[in-house]
Amino acid sequence: MILEHALLPVTPGREAEFERAFAEARTLIAAMPGFRGLRLSRSIETPNEYLLLVEWTSVEAHDPGFRGSPEYRRWRELLHHFYEPFPVVEHFAQVCVVADPLPN
């Protein structure tokens, strides 16, 4: 599994509009081959900043897979005009997961 990580700096004052657009955009990415799940979280300290985490089966499922698709063109139309500056996207390979607290 590969984890895509992007900090999304949304133009201040456009957060509600961004969240509505994301509700539509998430259906596009969820239908892509290799998509495993996503999480969008909003910063408490910086309310116009969001953290997007997307799980893919491989980097290739994301790029060129999703990014080379017609669905990605629609994703761009829905979301990219909200960002200032444009986010940096990185991919991570899992090293360790702790789901429950470790026993004492």
PDB file of N, CA and C in Angstrom:
ATOM      1  N   MET A   1       0.829  -1.168   0.000  1.00  0.00           N
ATOM      2  CA  MET A   1       0.000   0.000   0.000  1.00  0.00           C
ATOM      3  C   MET A   1       0.881   1.242   0.000  1.00  0.00           C
ATOM      4  N   ILE A   2       0.458   2.249  -0.740  1.00  0.00           N
ATOM      5  CA  ILE A   2       1.138   3.536  -0.819  1.00  0.00           C
ATOM      6  C   ILE A   2       0.200   4.598  -0.270  1.00  0.00           C
ATOM      7  N   LEU A   3       0.745   5.524   0.494  1.00  0.00           N
ATOM      8  CA  LEU A   3      -0.047   6.608   1.054  1.00  0.00           C
ATOM      9  C   LEU A   3       0.360   7.916   0.384  1.00  0.00           C
ATOM     10  N   GLU A   4      -0.585   8.533  -0.294  1.00  0.00           N
ATOM     11  CA  GLU A   4      -0.383   9.854  -0.884  1.00  0.00           C
ATOM     12  C   GLU A   4      -0.696  10.889   0.190  1.00  0.00           C
ATOM     13  N   HIS A   5       0.170  11.901   0.301  1.00  0.00           N
ATOM     14  CA  HIS A   5       0.042  12.933   1.332  1.00  0.00           C
ATOM     15  C   HIS A   5       0.064  14.290   0.642  1.00  0.00           C
ATOM     16  N   ALA A   6      -0.919  15.128   0.932  1.00  0.00           N
ATOM     17  CA  ALA A   6      -0.934  16.493   0.391  1.00  0.00           C
ATOM     18  C   ALA A   6      -1.528  17.436   1.428  1.00  0.00           C
ATOM     19  N   LEU A   7      -0.810  18.535   1.708  1.00  0.00           N
ATOM     20  CA  LEU A   7      -1.367  19.619   2.517  1.00  0.00           C
ATOM     21  C   LEU A   7      -2.014  20.591   1.542  1.00  0.00           C
ATOM     22  N   LEU A   8      -3.307  20.843   1.737  1.00  0.00           N
ATOM     23  CA  LEU A   8      -4.078  21.655   0.806  1.00  0.00           C
ATOM     24  C   LEU A   8      -4.354  23.026   1.417  1.00  0.00           C
ATOM     25  N   PRO A   9      -3.628  24.059   0.983  1.00  0.00           N
ATOM     26  CA  PRO A   9      -3.850  25.407   1.498  1.00  0.00           C
ATOM     27  C   PRO A   9      -4.985  26.088   0.727  1.00  0.00           C
ATOM     28  N   VAL A  10      -6.168  26.077   1.296  1.00  0.00           N
ATOM     29  CA  VAL A  10      -7.351  26.646   0.645  1.00  0.00           C
ATOM     30  C   VAL A  10      -7.379  28.154   0.909  1.00  0.00           C
ATOM     31  N   THR A  11      -7.744  28.913  -0.112  1.00  0.00           N
ATOM     32  CA  THR A  11      -7.842  30.360   0.039  1.00  0.00           C
ATOM     33  C   THR A  11      -8.769  30.668   1.217  1.00  0.00           C
ATOM     34  N   PRO A  12      -8.307  31.467   2.194  1.00  0.00           N
ATOM     35  CA  PRO A  12      -9.146  31.786   3.357  1.00  0.00           C
ATOM     36  C   PRO A  12     -10.512  32.341   2.944  1.00  0.00           C
ATOM     37  N   GLY A  13     -11.549  31.852   3.647  1.00  0.00           N
ATOM     38  CA  GLY A  13     -12.918  32.263   3.369  1.00  0.00           C
ATOM     39  C   GLY A  13     -13.636  31.379   2.374  1.00  0.00           C
ATOM     40  N   ARG A  14     -12.910  30.437   1.760  1.00  0.00           N
ATOM     41  CA  ARG A  14     -13.515  29.554   0.752  1.00  0.00           C
ATOM     42  C   ARG A  14     -13.616  28.109   1.231  1.00  0.00           C
ATOM     43  N   GLU A  15     -13.449  27.907   2.535  1.00  0.00           N
ATOM     44  CA  GLU A  15     -13.413  26.545   3.072  1.00  0.00           C
ATOM     45  C   GLU A  15     -14.720  25.781   2.828  1.00  0.00           C
ATOM     46  N   ALA A  16     -15.857  26.404   3.088  1.00  0.00           N
ATOM     47  CA  ALA A  16     -17.146  25.710   2.907  1.00  0.00           C
ATOM     48  C   ALA A  16     -17.360  25.357   1.436  1.00  0.00           C
ATOM     49  N   GLU A  17     -17.011  26.266   0.557  1.00  0.00           N
ATOM     50  CA  GLU A  17     -17.132  26.016  -0.888  1.00  0.00           C
ATOM     51  C   GLU A  17     -16.218  24.870  -1.308  1.00  0.00           C
ATOM     52  N   PHE A  18     -14.984  24.852  -0.769  1.00  0.00           N
ATOM     53  CA  PHE A  18     -14.051  23.771  -1.060  1.00  0.00           C
ATOM     54  C   PHE A  18     -14.613  22.428  -0.592  1.00  0.00           C
ATOM     55  N   GLU A  19     -15.162  22.390   0.612  1.00  0.00           N
ATOM     56  CA  GLU A  19     -15.696  21.133   1.139  1.00  0.00           C
ATOM     57  C   GLU A  19     -16.866  20.620   0.301  1.00  0.00           C
ATOM     58  N   ARG A  20     -17.694  21.515  -0.202  1.00  0.00           N
ATOM     59  CA  ARG A  20     -18.785  21.090  -1.091  1.00  0.00           C
ATOM     60  C   ARG A  20     -18.228  20.514  -2.394  1.00  0.00           C
ATOM     61  N   ALA A  21     -17.235  21.181  -2.966  1.00  0.00           N
ATOM     62  CA  ALA A  21     -16.622  20.686  -4.201  1.00  0.00           C
ATOM     63  C   ALA A  21     -15.926  19.351  -3.960  1.00  0.00           C
ATOM     64  N   PHE A  22     -15.287  19.201  -2.794  1.00  0.00           N
ATOM     65  CA  PHE A  22     -14.599  17.948  -2.493  1.00  0.00           C
ATOM     66  C   PHE A  22     -15.589  16.793  -2.384  1.00  0.00           C
ATOM     67  N   ALA A  23     -16.792  17.062  -1.890  1.00  0.00           N
ATOM     68  CA  ALA A  23     -17.812  16.010  -1.783  1.00  0.00           C
ATOM     69  C   ALA A  23     -18.102  15.407  -3.156  1.00  0.00           C
ATOM     70  N   GLU A  24     -18.087  16.224  -4.193  1.00  0.00           N
ATOM     71  CA  GLU A  24     -18.271  15.702  -5.556  1.00  0.00           C
ATOM     72  C   GLU A  24     -16.988  15.035  -6.055  1.00  0.00           C
ATOM     73  N   ALA A  25     -15.849  15.678  -5.815  1.00  0.00           N
ATOM     74  CA  ALA A  25     -14.575  15.173  -6.325  1.00  0.00           C
ATOM     75  C   ALA A  25     -14.217  13.803  -5.752  1.00  0.00           C
ATOM     76  N   ARG A  26     -14.583  13.565  -4.509  1.00  0.00           N
ATOM     77  CA  ARG A  26     -14.200  12.278  -3.896  1.00  0.00           C
ATOM     78  C   ARG A  26     -14.835  11.085  -4.607  1.00  0.00           C
ATOM     79  N   THR A  27     -15.986  11.285  -5.230  1.00  0.00           N
ATOM     80  CA  THR A  27     -16.603  10.178  -5.972  1.00  0.00           C
ATOM     81  C   THR A  27     -15.789   9.823  -7.208  1.00  0.00           C
ATOM     82  N   LEU A  28     -15.093  10.798  -7.783  1.00  0.00           N
ATOM     83  CA  LEU A  28     -14.262  10.550  -8.966  1.00  0.00           C
ATOM     84  C   LEU A  28     -13.067   9.683  -8.618  1.00  0.00           C
ATOM     85  N   ILE A  29     -12.364  10.049  -7.549  1.00  0.00           N
ATOM     86  CA  ILE A  29     -11.159   9.322  -7.170  1.00  0.00           C
ATOM     87  C   ILE A  29     -11.504   7.934  -6.622  1.00  0.00           C
ATOM     88  N   ALA A  30     -12.631   7.831  -5.928  1.00  0.00           N
ATOM     89  CA  ALA A  30     -13.023   6.556  -5.317  1.00  0.00           C
ATOM     90  C   ALA A  30     -13.317   5.484  -6.360  1.00  0.00           C
ATOM     91  N   ALA A  31     -13.644   5.883  -7.576  1.00  0.00           N
ATOM     92  CA  ALA A  31     -13.964   4.924  -8.636  1.00  0.00           C
ATOM     93  C   ALA A  31     -12.730   4.457  -9.411  1.00  0.00           C
ATOM     94  N   MET A  32     -11.559   4.981  -9.069  1.00  0.00           N
ATOM     95  CA  MET A  32     -10.350   4.675  -9.838  1.00  0.00           C
ATOM     96  C   MET A  32      -9.753   3.322  -9.463  1.00  0.00           C
ATOM     97  N   PRO A  33      -9.223   2.600 -10.465  1.00  0.00           N
ATOM     98  CA  PRO A  33      -8.507   1.352 -10.166  1.00  0.00           C
ATOM     99  C   PRO A  33      -7.314   1.655  -9.255  1.00  0.00           C
ATOM    100  N   GLY A  34      -7.127   0.830  -8.251  1.00  0.00           N
ATOM    101  CA  GLY A  34      -6.013   0.996  -7.332  1.00  0.00           C
ATOM    102  C   GLY A  34      -6.302   1.890  -6.144  1.00  0.00           C
ATOM    103  N   PHE A  35      -7.453   2.557  -6.136  1.00  0.00           N
ATOM    104  CA  PHE A  35      -7.838   3.388  -4.991  1.00  0.00           C
ATOM    105  C   PHE A  35      -8.258   2.485  -3.850  1.00  0.00           C
ATOM    106  N   ARG A  36      -7.773   2.794  -2.619  1.00  0.00           N
ATOM    107  CA  ARG A  36      -8.129   1.981  -1.461  1.00  0.00           C
ATOM    108  C   ARG A  36      -8.875   2.758  -0.396  1.00  0.00           C
ATOM    109  N   GLY A  37      -8.778   4.090  -0.403  1.00  0.00           N
ATOM    110  CA  GLY A  37      -9.468   4.891   0.595  1.00  0.00           C
ATOM    111  C   GLY A  37      -8.824   6.253   0.717  1.00  0.00           C
ATOM    112  N   LEU A  38      -9.547   7.168   1.361  1.00  0.00           N
ATOM    113  CA  LEU A  38      -8.977   8.493   1.596  1.00  0.00           C
ATOM    114  C   LEU A  38      -9.488   9.061   2.893  1.00  0.00           C
ATOM    115  N   ARG A  39      -8.754  10.068   3.372  1.00  0.00           N
ATOM    116  CA  ARG A  39      -9.143  10.812   4.567  1.00  0.00           C
ATOM    117  C   ARG A  39      -8.805  12.273   4.303  1.00  0.00           C
ATOM    118  N   LEU A  40      -9.785  13.149   4.511  1.00  0.00           N
ATOM    119  CA  LEU A  40      -9.561  14.589   4.432  1.00  0.00           C
ATOM    120  C   LEU A  40      -9.802  15.152   5.820  1.00  0.00           C
ATOM    121  N   SER A  41      -8.792  15.852   6.362  1.00  0.00           N
ATOM    122  CA  SER A  41      -8.886  16.440   7.699  1.00  0.00           C
ATOM    123  C   SER A  41      -8.596  17.931   7.602  1.00  0.00           C
ATOM    124  N   ARG A  42      -9.268  18.706   8.452  1.00  0.00           N
ATOM    125  CA  ARG A  42      -9.077  20.154   8.485  1.00  0.00           C
ATOM    126  C   ARG A  42      -8.252  20.537   9.703  1.00  0.00           C
ATOM    127  N   SER A  43      -7.289  21.429   9.511  1.00  0.00           N
ATOM    128  CA  SER A  43      -6.429  21.871  10.602  1.00  0.00           C
ATOM    129  C   SER A  43      -7.228  22.676  11.623  1.00  0.00           C
ATOM    130  N   ILE A  44      -6.970  22.418  12.869  1.00  0.00           N
ATOM    131  CA  ILE A  44      -7.588  23.184  13.951  1.00  0.00           C
ATOM    132  C   ILE A  44      -6.870  24.529  14.104  1.00  0.00           C
ATOM    133  N   GLU A  45      -5.540  24.507  14.039  1.00  0.00           N
ATOM    134  CA  GLU A  45      -4.763  25.731  14.223  1.00  0.00           C
ATOM    135  C   GLU A  45      -4.808  26.652  12.998  1.00  0.00           C
ATOM    136  N   THR A  46      -4.897  26.066  11.814  1.00  0.00           N
ATOM    137  CA  THR A  46      -4.921  26.833  10.556  1.00  0.00           C
ATOM    138  C   THR A  46      -6.144  26.363   9.765  1.00  0.00           C
ATOM    139  N   PRO A  47      -7.328  26.909  10.039  1.00  0.00           N
ATOM    140  CA  PRO A  47      -8.577  26.363   9.504  1.00  0.00           C
ATOM    141  C   PRO A  47      -8.709  26.329   7.985  1.00  0.00           C
ATOM    142  N   ASN A  48      -7.859  27.048   7.272  1.00  0.00           N
ATOM    143  CA  ASN A  48      -7.938  26.992   5.810  1.00  0.00           C
ATOM    144  C   ASN A  48      -6.979  25.943   5.233  1.00  0.00           C
ATOM    145  N   GLU A  49      -6.344  25.157   6.095  1.00  0.00           N
ATOM    146  CA  GLU A  49      -5.429  24.118   5.634  1.00  0.00           C
ATOM    147  C   GLU A  49      -6.026  22.737   5.894  1.00  0.00           C
ATOM    148  N   TYR A  50      -5.944  21.887   4.873  1.00  0.00           N
ATOM    149  CA  TYR A  50      -6.482  20.535   4.939  1.00  0.00           C
ATOM    150  C   TYR A  50      -5.369  19.539   4.677  1.00  0.00           C
ATOM    151  N   LEU A  51      -5.499  18.372   5.275  1.00  0.00           N
ATOM    152  CA  LEU A  51      -4.581  17.264   5.042  1.00  0.00           C
ATOM    153  C   LEU A  51      -5.350  16.195   4.284  1.00  0.00           C
ATOM    154  N   LEU A  52      -4.863  15.861   3.097  1.00  0.00           N
ATOM    155  CA  LEU A  52      -5.459  14.796   2.294  1.00  0.00           C
ATOM    156  C   LEU A  52      -4.521  13.599   2.316  1.00  0.00           C
ATOM    157  N   LEU A  53      -5.045  12.461   2.750  1.00  0.00           N
ATOM    158  CA  LEU A  53      -4.317  11.197   2.724  1.00  0.00           C
ATOM    159  C   LEU A  53      -5.111  10.224   1.870  1.00  0.00           C
ATOM    160  N   VAL A  54      -4.469   9.686   0.839  1.00  0.00           N
ATOM    161  CA  VAL A  54      -5.133   8.749  -0.066  1.00  0.00           C
ATOM    162  C   VAL A  54      -4.317   7.465  -0.104  1.00  0.00           C
ATOM    163  N   GLU A  55      -4.986   6.346   0.083  1.00  0.00           N
ATOM    164  CA  GLU A  55      -4.328   5.047  -0.012  1.00  0.00           C
ATOM    165  C   GLU A  55      -4.505   4.488  -1.421  1.00  0.00           C
ATOM    166  N   TRP A  56      -3.377   4.067  -2.000  1.00  0.00           N
ATOM    167  CA  TRP A  56      -3.351   3.464  -3.338  1.00  0.00           C
ATOM    168  C   TRP A  56      -2.667   2.107  -3.251  1.00  0.00           C
ATOM    169  N   THR A  57      -2.958   1.250  -4.188  1.00  0.00           N
ATOM    170  CA  THR A  57      -2.258  -0.032  -4.241  1.00  0.00           C
ATOM    171  C   THR A  57      -0.817   0.144  -4.696  1.00  0.00           C
ATOM    172  N   SER A  58      -0.542   1.221  -5.477  1.00  0.00           N
ATOM    173  CA  SER A  58       0.810   1.503  -5.975  1.00  0.00           C
ATOM    174  C   SER A  58       0.900   2.979  -6.346  1.00  0.00           C
ATOM    175  N   VAL A  59       2.121   3.471  -6.484  1.00  0.00           N
ATOM    176  CA  VAL A  59       2.315   4.846  -6.957  1.00  0.00           C
ATOM    177  C   VAL A  59       1.728   4.988  -8.358  1.00  0.00           C
ATOM    178  N   GLU A  60       1.907   3.962  -9.180  1.00  0.00           N
ATOM    179  CA  GLU A  60       1.422   4.006 -10.561  1.00  0.00           C
ATOM    180  C   GLU A  60      -0.095   4.111 -10.647  1.00  0.00           C
ATOM    181  N   ALA A  61      -0.803   3.580  -9.656  1.00  0.00           N
ATOM    182  CA  ALA A  61      -2.264   3.721  -9.649  1.00  0.00           C
ATOM    183  C   ALA A  61      -2.652   5.193  -9.527  1.00  0.00           C
ATOM    184  N   HIS A  62      -1.832   5.948  -8.802  1.00  0.00           N
ATOM    185  CA  HIS A  62      -2.081   7.383  -8.661  1.00  0.00           C
ATOM    186  C   HIS A  62      -1.555   8.152  -9.871  1.00  0.00           C
ATOM    187  N   ASP A  63      -0.291   7.894 -10.203  1.00  0.00           N
ATOM    188  CA  ASP A  63       0.352   8.612 -11.299  1.00  0.00           C
ATOM    189  C   ASP A  63       1.243   7.648 -12.061  1.00  0.00           C
ATOM    190  N   PRO A  64       0.822   7.270 -13.258  1.00  0.00           N
ATOM    191  CA  PRO A  64      -0.048   7.960 -14.203  1.00  0.00           C
ATOM    192  C   PRO A  64      -1.523   7.578 -14.166  1.00  0.00           C
ATOM    193  N   GLY A  65      -1.914   6.558 -13.371  1.00  0.00           N
ATOM    194  CA  GLY A  65      -3.298   6.073 -13.376  1.00  0.00           C
ATOM    195  C   GLY A  65      -4.350   7.169 -13.251  1.00  0.00           C
ATOM    196  N   PHE A  66      -4.565   7.651 -12.029  1.00  0.00           N
ATOM    197  CA  PHE A  66      -5.579   8.680 -11.800  1.00  0.00           C
ATOM    198  C   PHE A  66      -5.225   9.983 -12.505  1.00  0.00           C
ATOM    199  N   ARG A  67      -3.980  10.412 -12.386  1.00  0.00           N
ATOM    200  CA  ARG A  67      -3.585  11.704 -12.966  1.00  0.00           C
ATOM    201  C   ARG A  67      -3.635  11.729 -14.492  1.00  0.00           C
ATOM    202  N   GLY A  68      -3.636  10.571 -15.119  1.00  0.00           N
ATOM    203  CA  GLY A  68      -3.734  10.512 -16.579  1.00  0.00           C
ATOM    204  C   GLY A  68      -5.146  10.271 -17.082  1.00  0.00           C
ATOM    205  N   SER A  69      -6.106  10.288 -16.183  1.00  0.00           N
ATOM    206  CA  SER A  69      -7.482   9.924 -16.535  1.00  0.00           C
ATOM    207  C   SER A  69      -8.364  11.145 -16.792  1.00  0.00           C
ATOM    208  N   PRO A  70      -9.491  10.938 -17.495  1.00  0.00           N
ATOM    209  CA  PRO A  70     -10.484  12.009 -17.644  1.00  0.00           C
ATOM    210  C   PRO A  70     -11.059  12.450 -16.293  1.00  0.00           C
ATOM    211  N   GLU A  71     -11.139  11.528 -15.344  1.00  0.00           N
ATOM    212  CA  GLU A  71     -11.643  11.861 -14.012  1.00  0.00           C
ATOM    213  C   GLU A  71     -10.739  12.891 -13.324  1.00  0.00           C
ATOM    214  N   TYR A  72      -9.438  12.792 -13.567  1.00  0.00           N
ATOM    215  CA  TYR A  72      -8.520  13.753 -12.962  1.00  0.00           C
ATOM    216  C   TYR A  72      -8.729  15.148 -13.542  1.00  0.00           C
ATOM    217  N   ARG A  73      -9.042  15.231 -14.826  1.00  0.00           N
ATOM    218  CA  ARG A  73      -9.324  16.548 -15.410  1.00  0.00           C
ATOM    219  C   ARG A  73     -10.499  17.189 -14.692  1.00  0.00           C
ATOM    220  N   ARG A  74     -11.536  16.420 -14.390  1.00  0.00           N
ATOM    221  CA  ARG A  74     -12.684  16.955 -13.657  1.00  0.00           C
ATOM    222  C   ARG A  74     -12.291  17.311 -12.224  1.00  0.00           C
ATOM    223  N   TRP A  75     -11.474  16.476 -11.581  1.00  0.00           N
ATOM    224  CA  TRP A  75     -10.948  16.745 -10.229  1.00  0.00           C
ATOM    225  C   TRP A  75     -10.268  18.111 -10.213  1.00  0.00           C
ATOM    226  N   ARG A  76      -9.396  18.365 -11.196  1.00  0.00           N
ATOM    227  CA  ARG A  76      -8.706  19.658 -11.298  1.00  0.00           C
ATOM    228  C   ARG A  76      -9.699  20.805 -11.410  1.00  0.00           C
ATOM    229  N   GLU A  77     -10.708  20.637 -12.281  1.00  0.00           N
ATOM    230  CA  GLU A  77     -11.714  21.690 -12.463  1.00  0.00           C
ATOM    231  C   GLU A  77     -12.440  22.005 -11.161  1.00  0.00           C
ATOM    232  N   LEU A  78     -12.726  20.966 -10.393  1.00  0.00           N
ATOM    233  CA  LEU A  78     -13.466  21.145  -9.142  1.00  0.00           C
ATOM    234  C   LEU A  78     -12.627  21.755  -8.027  1.00  0.00           C
ATOM    235  N   LEU A  79     -11.331  21.401  -7.959  1.00  0.00           N
ATOM    236  CA  LEU A  79     -10.558  21.702  -6.746  1.00  0.00           C
ATOM    237  C   LEU A  79      -9.361  22.631  -6.899  1.00  0.00           C
ATOM    238  N   HIS A  80      -8.670  22.595  -7.996  1.00  0.00           N
ATOM    239  CA  HIS A  80      -7.372  23.263  -8.056  1.00  0.00           C
ATOM    240  C   HIS A  80      -7.442  24.777  -7.906  1.00  0.00           C
ATOM    241  N   HIS A  81      -8.548  25.401  -8.227  1.00  0.00           N
ATOM    242  CA  HIS A  81      -8.639  26.863  -8.099  1.00  0.00           C
ATOM    243  C   HIS A  81      -8.776  27.321  -6.642  1.00  0.00           C
ATOM    244  N   PHE A  82      -8.936  26.404  -5.714  1.00  0.00           N
ATOM    245  CA  PHE A  82      -9.032  26.765  -4.291  1.00  0.00           C
ATOM    246  C   PHE A  82      -7.659  26.935  -3.633  1.00  0.00           C
ATOM    247  N   TYR A  83      -6.585  26.420  -4.238  1.00  0.00           N
ATOM    248  CA  TYR A  83      -5.290  26.329  -3.566  1.00  0.00           C
ATOM    249  C   TYR A  83      -4.401  27.547  -3.815  1.00  0.00           C
ATOM    250  N   GLU A  84      -3.818  28.032  -2.712  1.00  0.00           N
ATOM    251  CA  GLU A  84      -2.837  29.116  -2.804  1.00  0.00           C
ATOM    252  C   GLU A  84      -1.869  28.996  -1.642  1.00  0.00           C
ATOM    253  N   PRO A  85      -0.637  28.547  -1.881  1.00  0.00           N
ATOM    254  CA  PRO A  85      -0.059  28.106  -3.141  1.00  0.00           C
ATOM    255  C   PRO A  85      -0.508  26.681  -3.478  1.00  0.00           C
ATOM    256  N   PHE A  86      -0.087  26.201  -4.636  1.00  0.00           N
ATOM    257  CA  PHE A  86      -0.463  24.856  -5.046  1.00  0.00           C
ATOM    258  C   PHE A  86       0.243  23.833  -4.159  1.00  0.00           C
ATOM    259  N   PRO A  87      -0.476  22.788  -3.728  1.00  0.00           N
ATOM    260  CA  PRO A  87       0.106  21.815  -2.786  1.00  0.00           C
ATOM    261  C   PRO A  87       1.184  20.929  -3.409  1.00  0.00           C
ATOM    262  N   VAL A  88       2.075  20.481  -2.537  1.00  0.00           N
ATOM    263  CA  VAL A  88       3.071  19.477  -2.896  1.00  0.00           C
ATOM    264  C   VAL A  88       2.495  18.116  -2.514  1.00  0.00           C
ATOM    265  N   VAL A  89       2.582  17.168  -3.428  1.00  0.00           N
ATOM    266  CA  VAL A  89       2.071  15.817  -3.195  1.00  0.00           C
ATOM    267  C   VAL A  89       3.257  14.863  -3.094  1.00  0.00           C
ATOM    268  N   GLU A  90       3.250  14.022  -2.059  1.00  0.00           N
ATOM    269  CA  GLU A  90       4.298  13.022  -1.896  1.00  0.00           C
ATOM    270  C   GLU A  90       3.667  11.669  -1.617  1.00  0.00           C
ATOM    271  N   HIS A  91       4.437  10.611  -1.885  1.00  0.00           N
ATOM    272  CA  HIS A  91       3.987   9.237  -1.658  1.00  0.00           C
ATOM    273  C   HIS A  91       4.857   8.604  -0.574  1.00  0.00           C
ATOM    274  N   PHE A  92       4.213   7.834   0.288  1.00  0.00           N
ATOM    275  CA  PHE A  92       4.905   7.199   1.403  1.00  0.00           C
ATOM    276  C   PHE A  92       4.611   5.707   1.427  1.00  0.00           C
ATOM    277  N   ALA A  93       5.628   4.923   1.793  1.00  0.00           N
ATOM    278  CA  ALA A  93       5.477   3.486   2.014  1.00  0.00           C
ATOM    279  C   ALA A  93       5.412   3.251   3.512  1.00  0.00           C
ATOM    280  N   GLN A  94       4.519   2.395   3.918  1.00  0.00           N
ATOM    281  CA  GLN A  94       4.291   2.127   5.342  1.00  0.00           C
ATOM    282  C   GLN A  94       5.509   1.479   5.994  1.00  0.00           C
ATOM    283  N   VAL A  95       5.837   1.958   7.174  1.00  0.00           N
ATOM    284  CA  VAL A  95       6.937   1.403   7.960  1.00  0.00           C
ATOM    285  C   VAL A  95       6.396   0.726   9.215  1.00  0.00           C
ATOM    286  N   CYS A  96       5.430   1.363   9.880  1.00  0.00           N
ATOM    287  CA  CYS A  96       4.906   0.849  11.140  1.00  0.00           C
ATOM    288  C   CYS A  96       3.491   1.364  11.330  1.00  0.00           C
ATOM    289  N   VAL A  97       2.625   0.534  11.898  1.00  0.00           N
ATOM    290  CA  VAL A  97       1.268   0.934  12.253  1.00  0.00           C
ATOM    291  C   VAL A  97       0.987   0.440  13.665  1.00  0.00           C
ATOM    292  N   VAL A  98       0.454   1.323  14.495  1.00  0.00           N
ATOM    293  CA  VAL A  98      -0.001   0.943  15.834  1.00  0.00           C
ATOM    294  C   VAL A  98      -1.451   1.337  15.907  1.00  0.00           C
ATOM    295  N   ALA A  99      -2.345   0.348  15.942  1.00  0.00           N
ATOM    296  CA  ALA A  99      -3.777   0.628  15.943  1.00  0.00           C
ATOM    297  C   ALA A  99      -4.321   0.803  17.359  1.00  0.00           C
ATOM    298  N   ASP A 100      -3.785   0.050  18.295  1.00  0.00           N
ATOM    299  CA  ASP A 100      -4.219   0.114  19.688  1.00  0.00           C
ATOM    300  C   ASP A 100      -2.998   0.453  20.537  1.00  0.00           C
ATOM    301  N   PRO A 101      -3.251   1.018  21.713  1.00  0.00           N
ATOM    302  CA  PRO A 101      -2.103   1.290  22.596  1.00  0.00           C
ATOM    303  C   PRO A 101      -1.330   0.014  22.898  1.00  0.00           C
ATOM    304  N   LEU A 102      -0.030   0.178  22.991  1.00  0.00           N
ATOM    305  CA  LEU A 102       0.824  -0.964  23.339  1.00  0.00           C
ATOM    306  C   LEU A 102       0.567  -1.370  24.786  1.00  0.00           C
ATOM    307  N   PRO A 103       0.624  -2.666  25.099  1.00  0.00           N
ATOM    308  CA  PRO A 103       0.427  -3.101  26.487  1.00  0.00           C
ATOM    309  C   PRO A 103       1.561  -2.587  27.372  1.00  0.00           C
ATOM    310  N   ASN A 104       1.240  -2.361  28.636  1.00  0.00           N
ATOM    311  CA  ASN A 104       2.244  -1.879  29.603  1.00  0.00           C
ATOM    312  C   ASN A 104       3.190  -2.964  30.007  1.00  0.00           C
TER     313      ASN A 104
END
